[in-house]
Amino acid sequence: GELILADISSQPKTALTVKTDLDKITWLDNDHILYSLTGSNKDRFIKLTISSGQEEEFIYDSVDSISAKNLLISDDQKALFFISDGYLYQLKLENGNY
């Protein structure tokens, strides 16, 4: 489905370009979200700047097949936690290459 950002105080709605499930998205701050898209053998993680629509893909290496859900970012934004196939994973977030 389509993901729409709505402001409940002033009522404007913004359609986002994100085509993924809600359990594959987490907020970074007021203008950025991090989401995962299912790939051939592992998910891709993408940071979206809401105001500009600019996307930045985060590259990571894994020997495991990853299907990330329930994304959670650490308070200092230096780690991403998620569940895949019943296991808890952590990706360290550094310099755009994770």
C-alpha atoms as a PDB file:
ATOM      1  CA  GLY A   1       0.000   0.000   0.000  1.00  0.00           C
ATOM      2  CA  GLU A   2       0.838   3.656  -0.101  1.00  0.00           C
ATOM      3  CA  LEU A   3       2.417   5.361   2.910  1.00  0.00           C
ATOM      4  CA  ILE A   4       0.974   8.786   3.703  1.00  0.00           C
ATOM      5  CA  LEU A   5       2.329  11.275   6.226  1.00  0.00           C
ATOM      6  CA  ALA A   6      -0.444  13.303   7.887  1.00  0.00           C
ATOM      7  CA  ASP A   7      -0.247  16.305  10.220  1.00  0.00           C
ATOM      8  CA  ILE A   8      -3.153  15.939  12.653  1.00  0.00           C
ATOM      9  CA  SER A   9      -3.093  19.612  13.708  1.00  0.00           C
ATOM     10  CA  SER A  10      -3.240  21.237  10.265  1.00  0.00           C
ATOM     11  CA  GLN A  11      -4.567  18.276   8.244  1.00  0.00           C
ATOM     12  CA  PRO A  12      -2.163  18.303   5.232  1.00  0.00           C
ATOM     13  CA  LYS A  13      -1.243  14.903   3.861  1.00  0.00           C
ATOM     14  CA  THR A  14       1.954  13.990   2.032  1.00  0.00           C
ATOM     15  CA  ALA A  15       2.245  10.786   0.005  1.00  0.00           C
ATOM     16  CA  LEU A  16       5.687   9.249   0.482  1.00  0.00           C
ATOM     17  CA  THR A  17       7.504   7.267  -2.205  1.00  0.00           C
ATOM     18  CA  VAL A  18       7.998   4.351   0.196  1.00  0.00           C
ATOM     19  CA  LYS A  19       6.538   1.022  -0.947  1.00  0.00           C
ATOM     20  CA  THR A  20       7.058  -1.224   2.089  1.00  0.00           C
ATOM     21  CA  ASP A  21       5.194  -2.457   5.161  1.00  0.00           C
ATOM     22  CA  LEU A  22       4.875  -0.353   8.333  1.00  0.00           C
ATOM     23  CA  ASP A  23       6.889  -2.880  10.360  1.00  0.00           C
ATOM     24  CA  LYS A  24       9.850  -2.165   8.033  1.00  0.00           C
ATOM     25  CA  ILE A  25      10.043   1.587   8.827  1.00  0.00           C
ATOM     26  CA  THR A  26      11.484   3.630  11.701  1.00  0.00           C
ATOM     27  CA  TRP A  27      11.771   7.387  12.296  1.00  0.00           C
ATOM     28  CA  LEU A  28      15.234   8.916  12.588  1.00  0.00           C
ATOM     29  CA  ASP A  29      14.041  12.489  13.242  1.00  0.00           C
ATOM     30  CA  ASN A  30      11.311  14.868  12.040  1.00  0.00           C
ATOM     31  CA  ASP A  31      12.577  14.842   8.442  1.00  0.00           C
ATOM     32  CA  HIS A  32      14.077  11.356   8.007  1.00  0.00           C
ATOM     33  CA  ILE A  33      12.915   7.757   8.057  1.00  0.00           C
ATOM     34  CA  LEU A  34      14.862   4.548   7.597  1.00  0.00           C
ATOM     35  CA  TYR A  35      13.095   1.683   5.856  1.00  0.00           C
ATOM     36  CA  SER A  36      13.889  -1.727   4.443  1.00  0.00           C
ATOM     37  CA  LEU A  37      12.934  -3.172   1.072  1.00  0.00           C
ATOM     38  CA  THR A  38      12.974  -6.875   0.379  1.00  0.00           C
ATOM     39  CA  GLY A  39      15.699  -7.821  -2.084  1.00  0.00           C
ATOM     40  CA  SER A  40      16.682 -11.133  -3.678  1.00  0.00           C
ATOM     41  CA  ASN A  41      18.469 -12.581  -0.631  1.00  0.00           C
ATOM     42  CA  LYS A  42      18.645  -9.670   1.818  1.00  0.00           C
ATOM     43  CA  ASP A  43      16.775  -6.468   2.534  1.00  0.00           C
ATOM     44  CA  ARG A  44      18.089  -3.102   1.448  1.00  0.00           C
ATOM     45  CA  PHE A  45      18.075  -0.287   4.031  1.00  0.00           C
ATOM     46  CA  ILE A  46      17.245   3.175   2.736  1.00  0.00           C
ATOM     47  CA  LYS A  47      17.232   6.567   4.460  1.00  0.00           C
ATOM     48  CA  LEU A  48      14.583   8.941   3.099  1.00  0.00           C
ATOM     49  CA  THR A  49      14.671  12.709   3.596  1.00  0.00           C
ATOM     50  CA  ILE A  50      10.972  13.551   3.650  1.00  0.00           C
ATOM     51  CA  SER A  51      11.274  17.249   2.710  1.00  0.00           C
ATOM     52  CA  SER A  52      13.318  16.597  -0.445  1.00  0.00           C
ATOM     53  CA  GLY A  53      12.441  13.001  -1.319  1.00  0.00           C
ATOM     54  CA  GLN A  54      16.165  12.171  -1.497  1.00  0.00           C
ATOM     55  CA  GLU A  55      17.044   8.550  -0.744  1.00  0.00           C
ATOM     56  CA  GLU A  56      20.357   7.130   0.430  1.00  0.00           C
ATOM     57  CA  GLU A  57      20.958   3.377   0.486  1.00  0.00           C
ATOM     58  CA  PHE A  58      23.029   1.888   3.297  1.00  0.00           C
ATOM     59  CA  ILE A  59      25.384  -0.894   2.267  1.00  0.00           C
ATOM     60  CA  TYR A  60      26.097  -3.830   4.575  1.00  0.00           C
ATOM     61  CA  ASP A  61      27.595  -7.302   4.297  1.00  0.00           C
ATOM     62  CA  SER A  62      25.832 -10.365   5.657  1.00  0.00           C
ATOM     63  CA  VAL A  63      26.179 -14.089   5.140  1.00  0.00           C
ATOM     64  CA  ASP A  64      22.594 -14.486   6.401  1.00  0.00           C
ATOM     65  CA  SER A  65      19.450 -13.953   4.377  1.00  0.00           C
ATOM     66  CA  ILE A  66      17.879 -10.835   5.936  1.00  0.00           C
ATOM     67  CA  SER A  67      14.194  -9.938   5.991  1.00  0.00           C
ATOM     68  CA  ALA A  68      14.145  -7.095   8.519  1.00  0.00           C
ATOM     69  CA  LYS A  69      11.066  -6.237  10.596  1.00  0.00           C
ATOM     70  CA  ASN A  70      10.373  -4.175  13.718  1.00  0.00           C
ATOM     71  CA  LEU A  71      13.163  -1.677  13.019  1.00  0.00           C
ATOM     72  CA  LEU A  72      14.425   0.332  15.985  1.00  0.00           C
ATOM     73  CA  ILE A  73      17.139   2.976  15.944  1.00  0.00           C
ATOM     74  CA  SER A  74      19.304   3.672  19.002  1.00  0.00           C
ATOM     75  CA  ASP A  75      18.981   7.082  20.692  1.00  0.00           C
ATOM     76  CA  ASP A  76      22.388   8.153  19.380  1.00  0.00           C
ATOM     77  CA  GLN A  77      21.514   6.817  15.871  1.00  0.00           C
ATOM     78  CA  LYS A  78      24.656   4.687  15.816  1.00  0.00           C
ATOM     79  CA  ALA A  79      22.880   1.308  15.722  1.00  0.00           C
ATOM     80  CA  LEU A  80      19.874  -0.203  13.980  1.00  0.00           C
ATOM     81  CA  PHE A  81      18.143  -3.162  15.622  1.00  0.00           C
ATOM     82  CA  PHE A  82      15.666  -5.442  13.856  1.00  0.00           C
ATOM     83  CA  ILE A  83      14.174  -8.931  13.852  1.00  0.00           C
ATOM     84  CA  SER A  84      14.770 -11.376  10.991  1.00  0.00           C
ATOM     85  CA  ASP A  85      13.642 -15.020  11.058  1.00  0.00           C
ATOM     86  CA  GLY A  86      13.191 -14.884  14.837  1.00  0.00           C
ATOM     87  CA  TYR A  87      16.683 -13.498  15.554  1.00  0.00           C
ATOM     88  CA  LEU A  88      17.618 -10.045  16.829  1.00  0.00           C
ATOM     89  CA  TYR A  89      20.189  -8.281  14.636  1.00  0.00           C
ATOM     90  CA  GLN A  90      22.206  -5.112  15.115  1.00  0.00           C
ATOM     91  CA  LEU A  91      23.820  -3.025  12.381  1.00  0.00           C
ATOM     92  CA  LYS A  92      26.347  -0.398  13.412  1.00  0.00           C
ATOM     93  CA  LEU A  93      25.647   2.820  11.565  1.00  0.00           C
ATOM     94  CA  GLU A  94      28.847   4.599  10.513  1.00  0.00           C
ATOM     95  CA  ASN A  95      29.632   6.861   7.553  1.00  0.00           C
ATOM     96  CA  GLY A  96      26.773   5.569   5.401  1.00  0.00           C
ATOM     97  CA  ASN A  97      28.357   2.096   5.148  1.00  0.00           C
ATOM     98  CA  TYR A  98      26.900  -0.327   7.634  1.00  0.00           C
END
